[in-house]
Amino acid sequence: MPQDDPWDAEASQQVARMNPGRPKAGFYGAVPDGEDDQSPSDDSEDGEEFEEIEVVPVRPKLSVAIAGFAALLAIALTIGAQTTGPNGRLSYAIVLFGVQLLGLLAWTMALHPPAAAATAGVVAVTALIADYLAVSGTSARFLPLLFVALGGFVVAMIGQVIRAGDRQRAKDSWRSTLLIVLGAVAYAILLVLTRQPLGAQTILVCCTGAGVALMVARLTDAVFPKPRIAAQVPRGATGIVLGAMLGTLAAAMLGSYLVLPFTPAKGAVLGLVAAVAANLVDLAVNFGEAGRRLAGEAPTFWLARHMQGPLGGFALTAAAAYALTHWYLT
């Protein structure tokens, strides 16, 4: 019913009874109590949404040690390739088998394949067979090494699926097993190259480019590790770029002193490919370690963790040297 005075007290009581969900009129009803406010504060939401990123520090002494290991590995591979002959490849094969065992130890401890002991034994035998075929084969070819690597991978996978506990992991870790086998067999490619006309010179140029790139990159990280590649990866972009440039320059200088078909331009191309390949593998190892650390997995043994970067880089450099010899130089 219409009222004469719209603000009459009786009319206000009727409106309050018709809208029970609304707060009561008055001073205390106009402002809600602090206890009824259940919405979280903005500070707590921001604290839960944004977490502080841990910045992994760069250890200069460790970077210098890795640089020294990369330099020694490059010197061993290049001098061994230059001193081999028709009757003197056995010593170089022994050196390469030692390098293969180091790489096998580092990659097995880092990648954690199922049935690690059996896998390591199979890969060691596979690397030994590849070295024997590379030294004593009737012809220096890459195809037998590929067949040996595939056979070793198959045998390693069979050893991983024997036990039920390893069988579940073997389905997800076959890529890691393949990388371990290929990395070990890749060093036998250097023996094949020493038996070819341009092989020893190609090894000299490529291993020099890769060694200089890794050494300069690590030494630069010890002095100036900036700008950081990522907060969780203790590497700097300056060292990687500078290492690739100086590795290419060193290979170009070697190309100017070697006989045809080597030229400074071709030496620079070989050095650039080797330097980029070695740096990418070394950087991929750092990212892999950072990923395992963020996932909460147990860290790899320190010696294997720091050796696998240069060892993987030179394994890929060996494959790149063979490809460049047959598809670019000839």
C-alpha atoms as a PDB file:
ATOM      1  CA  MET A   1       0.000   0.000   0.000  1.00  0.00           C
ATOM      2  CA  PRO A   2       1.344   3.479  -0.749  1.00  0.00           C
ATOM      3  CA  GLN A   3       2.513   5.396   2.273  1.00  0.00           C
ATOM      4  CA  ASP A   4       2.321   9.072   2.824  1.00  0.00           C
ATOM      5  CA  ASP A   5       5.874   9.216   4.020  1.00  0.00           C
ATOM      6  CA  PRO A   6       8.218   6.865   2.071  1.00  0.00           C
ATOM      7  CA  TRP A   7      10.814   6.996   4.870  1.00  0.00           C
ATOM      8  CA  ASP A   8       8.371   5.967   7.574  1.00  0.00           C
ATOM      9  CA  ALA A   9       9.829   3.563  10.215  1.00  0.00           C
ATOM     10  CA  GLU A  10       7.115   0.929   9.670  1.00  0.00           C
ATOM     11  CA  ALA A  11       7.787   0.869   5.892  1.00  0.00           C
ATOM     12  CA  SER A  12      11.508   0.367   6.503  1.00  0.00           C
ATOM     13  CA  GLN A  13      10.769  -2.654   8.704  1.00  0.00           C
ATOM     14  CA  GLN A  14       8.618  -4.203   5.978  1.00  0.00           C
ATOM     15  CA  VAL A  15      11.359  -3.728   3.373  1.00  0.00           C
ATOM     16  CA  ALA A  16      13.873  -5.396   5.716  1.00  0.00           C
ATOM     17  CA  ARG A  17      11.562  -8.387   6.200  1.00  0.00           C
ATOM     18  CA  MET A  18      11.062  -8.743   2.409  1.00  0.00           C
ATOM     19  CA  ASN A  19      14.911  -8.794   1.779  1.00  0.00           C
ATOM     20  CA  PRO A  20      16.400 -11.026   4.507  1.00  0.00           C
ATOM     21  CA  GLY A  21      19.775 -11.341   2.701  1.00  0.00           C
ATOM     22  CA  ARG A  22      20.528  -7.641   2.824  1.00  0.00           C
ATOM     23  CA  PRO A  23      22.333  -6.162   5.858  1.00  0.00           C
ATOM     24  CA  LYS A  24      20.212  -4.434   8.446  1.00  0.00           C
ATOM     25  CA  ALA A  25      19.904  -0.716   8.351  1.00  0.00           C
ATOM     26  CA  GLY A  26      22.045   1.195  10.722  1.00  0.00           C
ATOM     27  CA  PHE A  27      25.645   2.168  11.281  1.00  0.00           C
ATOM     28  CA  TYR A  28      26.964  -1.358  11.953  1.00  0.00           C
ATOM     29  CA  GLY A  29      24.981  -2.911   9.122  1.00  0.00           C
ATOM     30  CA  ALA A  30      26.393  -0.556   6.515  1.00  0.00           C
ATOM     31  CA  VAL A  31      29.971  -1.837   6.812  1.00  0.00           C
ATOM     32  CA  PRO A  32      30.628  -5.645   6.932  1.00  0.00           C
ATOM     33  CA  ASP A  33      32.610  -7.023   9.817  1.00  0.00           C
ATOM     34  CA  GLY A  34      36.254  -7.995   9.313  1.00  0.00           C
ATOM     35  CA  GLU A  35      35.496 -11.619  10.285  1.00  0.00           C
ATOM     36  CA  ASP A  36      33.041 -12.086   7.373  1.00  0.00           C
ATOM     37  CA  ASP A  37      35.650 -11.171   4.744  1.00  0.00           C
ATOM     38  CA  GLN A  38      36.929 -14.578   3.614  1.00  0.00           C
ATOM     39  CA  SER A  39      38.740 -13.398   0.456  1.00  0.00           C
ATOM     40  CA  PRO A  40      42.549 -13.926   0.658  1.00  0.00           C
ATOM     41  CA  SER A  41      44.795 -10.934   0.553  1.00  0.00           C
ATOM     42  CA  ASP A  42      46.656  -9.916  -2.578  1.00  0.00           C
ATOM     43  CA  ASP A  43      50.010 -10.406  -0.867  1.00  0.00           C
ATOM     44  CA  SER A  44      49.361 -14.076  -0.152  1.00  0.00           C
ATOM     45  CA  GLU A  45      48.163 -14.707  -3.717  1.00  0.00           C
ATOM     46  CA  ASP A  46      51.269 -13.072  -5.166  1.00  0.00           C
ATOM     47  CA  GLY A  47      53.502 -15.057  -2.824  1.00  0.00           C
ATOM     48  CA  GLU A  48      51.925 -18.363  -3.874  1.00  0.00           C
ATOM     49  CA  GLU A  49      51.870 -17.540  -7.573  1.00  0.00           C
ATOM     50  CA  PHE A  50      55.430 -16.240  -7.944  1.00  0.00           C
ATOM     51  CA  GLU A  51      58.223 -18.282  -6.412  1.00  0.00           C
ATOM     52  CA  GLU A  52      61.794 -17.123  -6.210  1.00  0.00           C
ATOM     53  CA  ILE A  53      64.043 -18.703  -8.882  1.00  0.00           C
ATOM     54  CA  GLU A  54      67.260 -20.153  -7.538  1.00  0.00           C
ATOM     55  CA  VAL A  55      70.318 -18.765  -9.312  1.00  0.00           C
ATOM     56  CA  VAL A  56      73.039 -21.410  -9.548  1.00  0.00           C
ATOM     57  CA  PRO A  57      76.448 -19.791  -8.980  1.00  0.00           C
ATOM     58  CA  VAL A  58      79.328 -20.244 -11.418  1.00  0.00           C
ATOM     59  CA  ARG A  59      82.426 -21.854  -9.899  1.00  0.00           C
ATOM     60  CA  PRO A  60      85.517 -20.426 -11.622  1.00  0.00           C
ATOM     61  CA  LYS A  61      87.907 -23.197 -10.568  1.00  0.00           C
ATOM     62  CA  LEU A  62      85.551 -25.846 -11.904  1.00  0.00           C
ATOM     63  CA  SER A  63      85.222 -24.028 -15.220  1.00  0.00           C
ATOM     64  CA  VAL A  64      89.017 -23.859 -15.521  1.00  0.00           C
ATOM     65  CA  ALA A  65      89.303 -27.590 -14.756  1.00  0.00           C
ATOM     66  CA  ILE A  66      86.741 -28.484 -17.433  1.00  0.00           C
ATOM     67  CA  ALA A  67      88.550 -26.237 -19.904  1.00  0.00           C
ATOM     68  CA  GLY A  68      91.805 -28.035 -19.163  1.00  0.00           C
ATOM     69  CA  PHE A  69      90.165 -31.439 -19.637  1.00  0.00           C
ATOM     70  CA  ALA A  70      88.731 -30.359 -23.003  1.00  0.00           C
ATOM     71  CA  ALA A  71      92.151 -29.092 -24.111  1.00  0.00           C
ATOM     72  CA  LEU A  72      93.879 -32.340 -23.099  1.00  0.00           C
ATOM     73  CA  LEU A  73      91.249 -34.399 -24.889  1.00  0.00           C
ATOM     74  CA  ALA A  74      91.652 -32.347 -28.069  1.00  0.00           C
ATOM     75  CA  ILE A  75      95.446 -32.693 -27.948  1.00  0.00           C
ATOM     76  CA  ALA A  76      95.241 -36.460 -27.443  1.00  0.00           C
ATOM     77  CA  LEU A  77      92.855 -36.932 -30.346  1.00  0.00           C
ATOM     78  CA  THR A  78      94.774 -34.734 -32.781  1.00  0.00           C
ATOM     79  CA  ILE A  79      98.296 -35.955 -31.960  1.00  0.00           C
ATOM     80  CA  GLY A  80      97.156 -39.557 -32.021  1.00  0.00           C
ATOM     81  CA  ALA A  81      95.610 -39.095 -35.454  1.00  0.00           C
ATOM     82  CA  GLN A  82      98.758 -37.471 -36.839  1.00  0.00           C
ATOM     83  CA  THR A  83     101.119 -40.169 -35.544  1.00  0.00           C
ATOM     84  CA  THR A  84      99.178 -43.189 -36.804  1.00  0.00           C
ATOM     85  CA  GLY A  85     100.317 -45.190 -39.782  1.00  0.00           C
ATOM     86  CA  PRO A  86      99.530 -48.450 -41.552  1.00  0.00           C
ATOM     87  CA  ASN A  87     101.260 -50.414 -38.777  1.00  0.00           C
ATOM     88  CA  GLY A  88     100.739 -47.989 -35.924  1.00  0.00           C
ATOM     89  CA  ARG A  89      96.990 -47.708 -35.401  1.00  0.00           C
ATOM     90  CA  LEU A  90      96.865 -50.007 -32.391  1.00  0.00           C
ATOM     91  CA  SER A  91      98.193 -47.347 -30.002  1.00  0.00           C
ATOM     92  CA  TYR A  92      95.613 -44.841 -31.209  1.00  0.00           C
ATOM     93  CA  ALA A  93      92.885 -47.469 -30.836  1.00  0.00           C
ATOM     94  CA  ILE A  94      93.947 -48.051 -27.203  1.00  0.00           C
ATOM     95  CA  VAL A  95      93.771 -44.310 -26.491  1.00  0.00           C
ATOM     96  CA  LEU A  96      90.341 -44.080 -28.085  1.00  0.00           C
ATOM     97  CA  PHE A  97      89.074 -47.090 -26.143  1.00  0.00           C
ATOM     98  CA  GLY A  98      90.125 -45.378 -22.921  1.00  0.00           C
ATOM     99  CA  VAL A  99      88.199 -42.282 -23.977  1.00  0.00           C
ATOM    100  CA  GLN A 100      85.202 -44.478 -24.814  1.00  0.00           C
ATOM    101  CA  LEU A 101      85.289 -46.022 -21.350  1.00  0.00           C
ATOM    102  CA  LEU A 102      85.400 -42.557 -19.767  1.00  0.00           C
ATOM    103  CA  GLY A 103      82.421 -41.470 -21.826  1.00  0.00           C
ATOM    104  CA  LEU A 104      80.563 -44.682 -21.022  1.00  0.00           C
ATOM    105  CA  LEU A 105      81.135 -44.154 -17.310  1.00  0.00           C
ATOM    106  CA  ALA A 106      79.995 -40.528 -17.445  1.00  0.00           C
ATOM    107  CA  TRP A 107      76.899 -41.115 -19.583  1.00  0.00           C
ATOM    108  CA  THR A 108      75.774 -44.203 -17.668  1.00  0.00           C
ATOM    109  CA  MET A 109      75.979 -42.389 -14.335  1.00  0.00           C
ATOM    110  CA  ALA A 110      74.255 -39.304 -15.731  1.00  0.00           C
ATOM    111  CA  LEU A 111      71.426 -40.887 -17.731  1.00  0.00           C
ATOM    112  CA  HIS A 112      70.700 -43.790 -15.321  1.00  0.00           C
ATOM    113  CA  PRO A 113      69.552 -46.448 -17.842  1.00  0.00           C
ATOM    114  CA  PRO A 114      67.763 -49.567 -16.557  1.00  0.00           C
ATOM    115  CA  ALA A 115      70.100 -52.455 -15.676  1.00  0.00           C
ATOM    116  CA  ALA A 116      72.997 -50.013 -15.671  1.00  0.00           C
ATOM    117  CA  ALA A 117      75.713 -52.640 -15.116  1.00  0.00           C
ATOM    118  CA  ALA A 118      74.495 -54.880 -17.933  1.00  0.00           C
ATOM    119  CA  THR A 119      74.014 -51.902 -20.249  1.00  0.00           C
ATOM    120  CA  ALA A 120      77.512 -50.605 -19.540  1.00  0.00           C
ATOM    121  CA  GLY A 121      79.018 -54.036 -20.196  1.00  0.00           C
ATOM    122  CA  VAL A 122      77.199 -54.412 -23.502  1.00  0.00           C
ATOM    123  CA  VAL A 123      78.200 -50.915 -24.656  1.00  0.00           C
ATOM    124  CA  ALA A 124      81.846 -51.531 -23.688  1.00  0.00           C
ATOM    125  CA  VAL A 125      81.935 -54.715 -25.789  1.00  0.00           C
ATOM    126  CA  THR A 126      80.211 -52.853 -28.627  1.00  0.00           C
ATOM    127  CA  ALA A 127      82.838 -50.091 -28.556  1.00  0.00           C
ATOM    128  CA  LEU A 128      85.641 -52.674 -28.548  1.00  0.00           C
ATOM    129  CA  ILE A 129      84.162 -54.452 -31.585  1.00  0.00           C
ATOM    130  CA  ALA A 130      83.769 -51.132 -33.392  1.00  0.00           C
ATOM    131  CA  ASP A 131      87.414 -50.263 -32.739  1.00  0.00           C
ATOM    132  CA  TYR A 132      88.558 -53.669 -33.976  1.00  0.00           C
ATOM    133  CA  LEU A 133      86.574 -53.370 -37.195  1.00  0.00           C
ATOM    134  CA  ALA A 134      87.822 -49.823 -37.766  1.00  0.00           C
ATOM    135  CA  VAL A 135      91.461 -50.936 -37.411  1.00  0.00           C
ATOM    136  CA  SER A 136      91.459 -54.336 -39.107  1.00  0.00           C
ATOM    137  CA  GLY A 137      88.668 -54.033 -41.672  1.00  0.00           C
ATOM    138  CA  THR A 138      89.479 -54.645 -45.304  1.00  0.00           C
ATOM    139  CA  SER A 139      88.169 -51.192 -46.173  1.00  0.00           C
ATOM    140  CA  ALA A 140      87.687 -48.034 -44.130  1.00  0.00           C
ATOM    141  CA  ARG A 141      83.931 -47.641 -44.125  1.00  0.00           C
ATOM    142  CA  PHE A 142      81.350 -46.146 -41.809  1.00  0.00           C
ATOM    143  CA  LEU A 143      78.554 -48.650 -42.472  1.00  0.00           C
ATOM    144  CA  PRO A 144      80.005 -51.535 -40.397  1.00  0.00           C
ATOM    145  CA  LEU A 145      80.229 -49.239 -37.389  1.00  0.00           C
ATOM    146  CA  LEU A 146      76.584 -48.332 -37.801  1.00  0.00           C
ATOM    147  CA  PHE A 147      75.591 -52.001 -37.872  1.00  0.00           C
ATOM    148  CA  VAL A 148      77.659 -52.660 -34.751  1.00  0.00           C
ATOM    149  CA  ALA A 149      75.986 -49.741 -32.958  1.00  0.00           C
ATOM    150  CA  LEU A 150      72.495 -50.975 -33.866  1.00  0.00           C
ATOM    151  CA  GLY A 151      73.377 -54.484 -32.745  1.00  0.00           C
ATOM    152  CA  GLY A 152      74.733 -53.237 -29.441  1.00  0.00           C
ATOM    153  CA  PHE A 153      71.589 -51.179 -28.898  1.00  0.00           C
ATOM    154  CA  VAL A 154      69.372 -54.211 -29.491  1.00  0.00           C
ATOM    155  CA  VAL A 155      71.386 -56.387 -27.103  1.00  0.00           C
ATOM    156  CA  ALA A 156      71.343 -53.642 -24.457  1.00  0.00           C
ATOM    157  CA  MET A 157      67.562 -53.345 -24.744  1.00  0.00           C
ATOM    158  CA  ILE A 158      67.190 -57.112 -24.397  1.00  0.00           C
ATOM    159  CA  GLY A 159      69.250 -56.970 -21.213  1.00  0.00           C
ATOM    160  CA  GLN A 160      67.016 -54.214 -19.871  1.00  0.00           C
ATOM    161  CA  VAL A 161      63.723 -56.095 -20.339  1.00  0.00           C
ATOM    162  CA  ILE A 162      64.776 -59.298 -18.577  1.00  0.00           C
ATOM    163  CA  ARG A 163      63.805 -58.125 -15.112  1.00  0.00           C
ATOM    164  CA  ALA A 164      60.272 -56.891 -14.463  1.00  0.00           C
ATOM    165  CA  GLY A 165      61.400 -53.781 -12.599  1.00  0.00           C
ATOM    166  CA  ASP A 166      63.719 -52.739 -15.418  1.00  0.00           C
ATOM    167  CA  ARG A 167      61.162 -53.612 -18.080  1.00  0.00           C
ATOM    168  CA  GLN A 168      58.863 -50.779 -17.016  1.00  0.00           C
ATOM    169  CA  ARG A 169      61.652 -48.205 -17.287  1.00  0.00           C
ATOM    170  CA  ALA A 170      63.076 -49.551 -20.544  1.00  0.00           C
ATOM    171  CA  LYS A 171      60.086 -48.252 -22.500  1.00  0.00           C
ATOM    172  CA  ASP A 172      60.852 -44.684 -21.470  1.00  0.00           C
ATOM    173  CA  SER A 173      64.653 -44.792 -21.471  1.00  0.00           C
ATOM    174  CA  TRP A 174      65.415 -46.340 -24.863  1.00  0.00           C
ATOM    175  CA  ARG A 175      66.527 -42.929 -26.161  1.00  0.00           C
ATOM    176  CA  SER A 176      69.094 -42.644 -23.380  1.00  0.00           C
ATOM    177  CA  THR A 177      70.403 -46.127 -24.166  1.00  0.00           C
ATOM    178  CA  LEU A 178      70.691 -45.247 -27.854  1.00  0.00           C
ATOM    179  CA  LEU A 179      72.630 -42.073 -27.024  1.00  0.00           C
ATOM    180  CA  ILE A 180      75.079 -44.026 -24.856  1.00  0.00           C
ATOM    181  CA  VAL A 181      75.708 -46.596 -27.598  1.00  0.00           C
ATOM    182  CA  LEU A 182      76.112 -44.014 -30.352  1.00  0.00           C
ATOM    183  CA  GLY A 183      78.367 -41.834 -28.217  1.00  0.00           C
ATOM    184  CA  ALA A 184      80.726 -44.716 -27.503  1.00  0.00           C
ATOM    185  CA  VAL A 185      80.838 -45.990 -31.093  1.00  0.00           C
ATOM    186  CA  ALA A 186      81.319 -42.476 -32.516  1.00  0.00           C
ATOM    187  CA  TYR A 187      84.947 -42.371 -31.387  1.00  0.00           C
ATOM    188  CA  ALA A 188      85.716 -45.348 -33.633  1.00  0.00           C
ATOM    189  CA  ILE A 189      84.958 -43.072 -36.595  1.00  0.00           C
ATOM    190  CA  LEU A 190      88.287 -41.358 -35.943  1.00  0.00           C
ATOM    191  CA  LEU A 191      90.057 -44.657 -36.617  1.00  0.00           C
ATOM    192  CA  VAL A 192      88.218 -44.953 -39.917  1.00  0.00           C
ATOM    193  CA  LEU A 193      89.252 -41.429 -40.873  1.00  0.00           C
ATOM    194  CA  THR A 194      92.930 -42.132 -40.225  1.00  0.00           C
ATOM    195  CA  ARG A 195      92.781 -44.746 -42.984  1.00  0.00           C
ATOM    196  CA  GLN A 196      91.458 -42.270 -45.555  1.00  0.00           C
ATOM    197  CA  PRO A 197      93.493 -39.701 -47.529  1.00  0.00           C
ATOM    198  CA  LEU A 198      92.003 -36.566 -45.960  1.00  0.00           C
ATOM    199  CA  GLY A 199      91.041 -38.084 -42.629  1.00  0.00           C
ATOM    200  CA  ALA A 200      94.020 -37.111 -40.463  1.00  0.00           C
ATOM    201  CA  GLN A 201      93.930 -33.476 -41.628  1.00  0.00           C
ATOM    202  CA  THR A 202      90.178 -33.311 -41.075  1.00  0.00           C
ATOM    203  CA  ILE A 203      90.588 -34.643 -37.537  1.00  0.00           C
ATOM    204  CA  LEU A 204      93.258 -32.004 -36.896  1.00  0.00           C
ATOM    205  CA  VAL A 205      91.050 -29.139 -38.089  1.00  0.00           C
ATOM    206  CA  CYS A 206      87.787 -30.296 -36.489  1.00  0.00           C
ATOM    207  CA  CYS A 207      89.223 -31.347 -33.128  1.00  0.00           C
ATOM    208  CA  THR A 208      91.210 -28.118 -32.927  1.00  0.00           C
ATOM    209  CA  GLY A 209      88.094 -26.053 -33.597  1.00  0.00           C
ATOM    210  CA  ALA A 210      86.047 -28.001 -31.061  1.00  0.00           C
ATOM    211  CA  GLY A 211      88.805 -27.962 -28.440  1.00  0.00           C
ATOM    212  CA  VAL A 212      89.424 -24.231 -28.736  1.00  0.00           C
ATOM    213  CA  ALA A 213      85.683 -23.535 -28.589  1.00  0.00           C
ATOM    214  CA  LEU A 214      85.160 -25.582 -25.422  1.00  0.00           C
ATOM    215  CA  MET A 215      88.299 -24.272 -23.733  1.00  0.00           C
ATOM    216  CA  VAL A 216      87.578 -20.598 -24.482  1.00  0.00           C
ATOM    217  CA  ALA A 217      83.918 -20.944 -23.477  1.00  0.00           C
ATOM    218  CA  ARG A 218      84.789 -22.458 -20.108  1.00  0.00           C
ATOM    219  CA  LEU A 219      87.612 -20.029 -19.393  1.00  0.00           C
ATOM    220  CA  THR A 220      85.342 -17.106 -20.211  1.00  0.00           C
ATOM    221  CA  ASP A 221      82.729 -18.488 -17.828  1.00  0.00           C
ATOM    222  CA  ALA A 222      85.356 -18.453 -15.088  1.00  0.00           C
ATOM    223  CA  VAL A 223      85.972 -14.735 -15.642  1.00  0.00           C
ATOM    224  CA  PHE A 224      82.801 -13.253 -17.130  1.00  0.00           C
ATOM    225  CA  PRO A 225      79.776 -15.617 -17.072  1.00  0.00           C
ATOM    226  CA  LYS A 226      77.342 -13.037 -18.462  1.00  0.00           C
ATOM    227  CA  PRO A 227      74.699 -12.755 -19.767  1.00  0.00           C
ATOM    228  CA  ARG A 228      73.457 -15.930 -18.141  1.00  0.00           C
ATOM    229  CA  ILE A 229      71.874 -18.533 -20.407  1.00  0.00           C
ATOM    230  CA  ALA A 230      69.416 -19.389 -17.631  1.00  0.00           C
ATOM    231  CA  ALA A 231      69.291 -18.884 -13.899  1.00  0.00           C
ATOM    232  CA  GLN A 232      69.592 -22.628 -13.236  1.00  0.00           C
ATOM    233  CA  VAL A 233      72.451 -23.147 -15.750  1.00  0.00           C
ATOM    234  CA  PRO A 234      75.890 -21.829 -14.704  1.00  0.00           C
ATOM    235  CA  ARG A 235      76.926 -20.761 -18.204  1.00  0.00           C
ATOM    236  CA  GLY A 236      77.298 -17.420 -19.932  1.00  0.00           C
ATOM    237  CA  ALA A 237      76.423 -16.547 -23.512  1.00  0.00           C
ATOM    238  CA  THR A 238      79.608 -14.521 -23.970  1.00  0.00           C
ATOM    239  CA  GLY A 239      81.834 -17.557 -23.558  1.00  0.00           C
ATOM    240  CA  ILE A 240      79.820 -19.703 -25.965  1.00  0.00           C
ATOM    241  CA  VAL A 241      79.837 -17.076 -28.718  1.00  0.00           C
ATOM    242  CA  LEU A 242      83.490 -16.191 -28.178  1.00  0.00           C
ATOM    243  CA  GLY A 243      84.485 -19.850 -28.155  1.00  0.00           C
ATOM    244  CA  ALA A 244      82.718 -20.540 -31.450  1.00  0.00           C
ATOM    245  CA  MET A 245      84.396 -17.515 -33.046  1.00  0.00           C
ATOM    246  CA  LEU A 246      87.914 -18.371 -31.883  1.00  0.00           C
ATOM    247  CA  GLY A 247      87.448 -22.040 -32.748  1.00  0.00           C
ATOM    248  CA  THR A 248      86.490 -21.048 -36.272  1.00  0.00           C
ATOM    249  CA  LEU A 249      89.490 -18.714 -36.473  1.00  0.00           C
ATOM    250  CA  ALA A 250      91.906 -21.419 -35.338  1.00  0.00           C
ATOM    251  CA  ALA A 251      90.527 -23.868 -37.902  1.00  0.00           C
ATOM    252  CA  ALA A 252      90.792 -21.244 -40.655  1.00  0.00           C
ATOM    253  CA  MET A 253      94.440 -20.673 -39.783  1.00  0.00           C
ATOM    254  CA  LEU A 254      95.130 -24.407 -39.974  1.00  0.00           C
ATOM    255  CA  GLY A 255      93.352 -24.538 -43.323  1.00  0.00           C
ATOM    256  CA  SER A 256      95.776 -21.956 -44.679  1.00  0.00           C
ATOM    257  CA  TYR A 257      98.793 -24.147 -43.827  1.00  0.00           C
ATOM    258  CA  LEU A 258      97.447 -27.520 -44.991  1.00  0.00           C
ATOM    259  CA  VAL A 259      97.634 -28.746 -48.553  1.00  0.00           C
ATOM    260  CA  LEU A 260      94.772 -28.841 -51.014  1.00  0.00           C
ATOM    261  CA  PRO A 261      91.832 -29.243 -50.912  1.00  0.00           C
ATOM    262  CA  PHE A 262      92.118 -27.332 -47.632  1.00  0.00           C
ATOM    263  CA  THR A 263      91.843 -23.558 -47.809  1.00  0.00           C
ATOM    264  CA  PRO A 264      91.214 -20.933 -45.127  1.00  0.00           C
ATOM    265  CA  ALA A 265      87.542 -20.837 -46.132  1.00  0.00           C
ATOM    266  CA  LYS A 266      87.129 -24.606 -45.949  1.00  0.00           C
ATOM    267  CA  GLY A 267      89.026 -24.724 -42.686  1.00  0.00           C
ATOM    268  CA  ALA A 268      86.701 -22.064 -41.290  1.00  0.00           C
ATOM    269  CA  VAL A 269      83.636 -24.072 -42.316  1.00  0.00           C
ATOM    270  CA  LEU A 270      84.974 -27.227 -40.681  1.00  0.00           C
ATOM    271  CA  GLY A 271      85.946 -25.332 -37.554  1.00  0.00           C
ATOM    272  CA  LEU A 272      82.592 -23.606 -37.291  1.00  0.00           C
ATOM    273  CA  VAL A 273      80.647 -26.866 -37.589  1.00  0.00           C
ATOM    274  CA  ALA A 274      82.865 -28.600 -35.034  1.00  0.00           C
ATOM    275  CA  ALA A 275      82.802 -25.665 -32.596  1.00  0.00           C
ATOM    276  CA  VAL A 276      79.027 -25.289 -32.738  1.00  0.00           C
ATOM    277  CA  ALA A 277      78.459 -29.039 -32.362  1.00  0.00           C
ATOM    278  CA  ALA A 278      80.767 -29.317 -29.355  1.00  0.00           C
ATOM    279  CA  ASN A 279      79.313 -26.241 -27.642  1.00  0.00           C
ATOM    280  CA  LEU A 280      75.738 -27.386 -28.192  1.00  0.00           C
ATOM    281  CA  VAL A 281      76.395 -30.799 -26.665  1.00  0.00           C
ATOM    282  CA  ASP A 282      78.214 -29.247 -23.719  1.00  0.00           C
ATOM    283  CA  LEU A 283      75.366 -26.800 -23.159  1.00  0.00           C
ATOM    284  CA  ALA A 284      72.757 -29.558 -23.507  1.00  0.00           C
ATOM    285  CA  VAL A 285      74.511 -31.479 -20.734  1.00  0.00           C
ATOM    286  CA  ASN A 286      74.242 -28.424 -18.465  1.00  0.00           C
ATOM    287  CA  PHE A 287      70.536 -28.080 -19.188  1.00  0.00           C
ATOM    288  CA  GLY A 288      70.031 -31.786 -18.525  1.00  0.00           C
ATOM    289  CA  GLU A 289      71.697 -31.503 -15.136  1.00  0.00           C
ATOM    290  CA  ALA A 290      69.574 -28.463 -14.308  1.00  0.00           C
ATOM    291  CA  GLY A 291      66.421 -30.360 -15.260  1.00  0.00           C
ATOM    292  CA  ARG A 292      67.321 -33.300 -13.025  1.00  0.00           C
ATOM    293  CA  ARG A 293      68.081 -30.922 -10.163  1.00  0.00           C
ATOM    294  CA  LEU A 294      64.728 -29.172 -10.530  1.00  0.00           C
ATOM    295  CA  ALA A 295      62.946 -32.543 -10.694  1.00  0.00           C
ATOM    296  CA  GLY A 296      64.433 -33.472  -7.320  1.00  0.00           C
ATOM    297  CA  GLU A 297      66.552 -36.358  -8.615  1.00  0.00           C
ATOM    298  CA  ALA A 298      69.833 -37.323  -6.997  1.00  0.00           C
ATOM    299  CA  PRO A 299      72.794 -35.462  -8.530  1.00  0.00           C
ATOM    300  CA  THR A 300      75.264 -37.302 -10.715  1.00  0.00           C
ATOM    301  CA  PHE A 301      78.708 -38.164  -9.372  1.00  0.00           C
ATOM    302  CA  TRP A 302      80.720 -34.951  -9.691  1.00  0.00           C
ATOM    303  CA  LEU A 303      83.490 -36.392 -11.886  1.00  0.00           C
ATOM    304  CA  ALA A 304      81.064 -37.932 -14.377  1.00  0.00           C
ATOM    305  CA  ARG A 305      78.874 -34.838 -14.323  1.00  0.00           C
ATOM    306  CA  HIS A 306      81.686 -32.537 -15.412  1.00  0.00           C
ATOM    307  CA  MET A 307      83.336 -34.865 -17.941  1.00  0.00           C
ATOM    308  CA  GLN A 308      80.297 -35.755 -20.010  1.00  0.00           C
ATOM    309  CA  GLY A 309      80.065 -32.362 -21.731  1.00  0.00           C
ATOM    310  CA  PRO A 310      83.489 -32.411 -23.461  1.00  0.00           C
ATOM    311  CA  LEU A 311      83.266 -36.170 -24.088  1.00  0.00           C
ATOM    312  CA  GLY A 312      79.896 -35.831 -25.786  1.00  0.00           C
ATOM    313  CA  GLY A 313      81.078 -32.797 -27.729  1.00  0.00           C
ATOM    314  CA  PHE A 314      84.036 -34.633 -29.256  1.00  0.00           C
ATOM    315  CA  ALA A 315      81.883 -37.676 -30.035  1.00  0.00           C
ATOM    316  CA  LEU A 316      79.591 -35.506 -32.139  1.00  0.00           C
ATOM    317  CA  THR A 317      82.637 -33.779 -33.634  1.00  0.00           C
ATOM    318  CA  ALA A 318      83.934 -37.156 -34.863  1.00  0.00           C
ATOM    319  CA  ALA A 319      80.677 -37.850 -36.689  1.00  0.00           C
ATOM    320  CA  ALA A 320      80.655 -34.321 -38.130  1.00  0.00           C
ATOM    321  CA  ALA A 321      84.266 -34.719 -39.336  1.00  0.00           C
ATOM    322  CA  TYR A 322      83.396 -37.888 -41.248  1.00  0.00           C
ATOM    323  CA  ALA A 323      80.368 -36.236 -42.856  1.00  0.00           C
ATOM    324  CA  LEU A 324      82.357 -33.143 -43.840  1.00  0.00           C
ATOM    325  CA  THR A 325      85.150 -35.242 -45.311  1.00  0.00           C
ATOM    326  CA  HIS A 326      82.853 -37.106 -47.695  1.00  0.00           C
ATOM    327  CA  TRP A 327      80.167 -34.508 -48.381  1.00  0.00           C
ATOM    328  CA  TYR A 328      82.122 -31.249 -48.383  1.00  0.00           C
ATOM    329  CA  LEU A 329      85.850 -31.710 -48.955  1.00  0.00           C
ATOM    330  CA  THR A 330      85.547 -34.315 -51.698  1.00  0.00           C
END
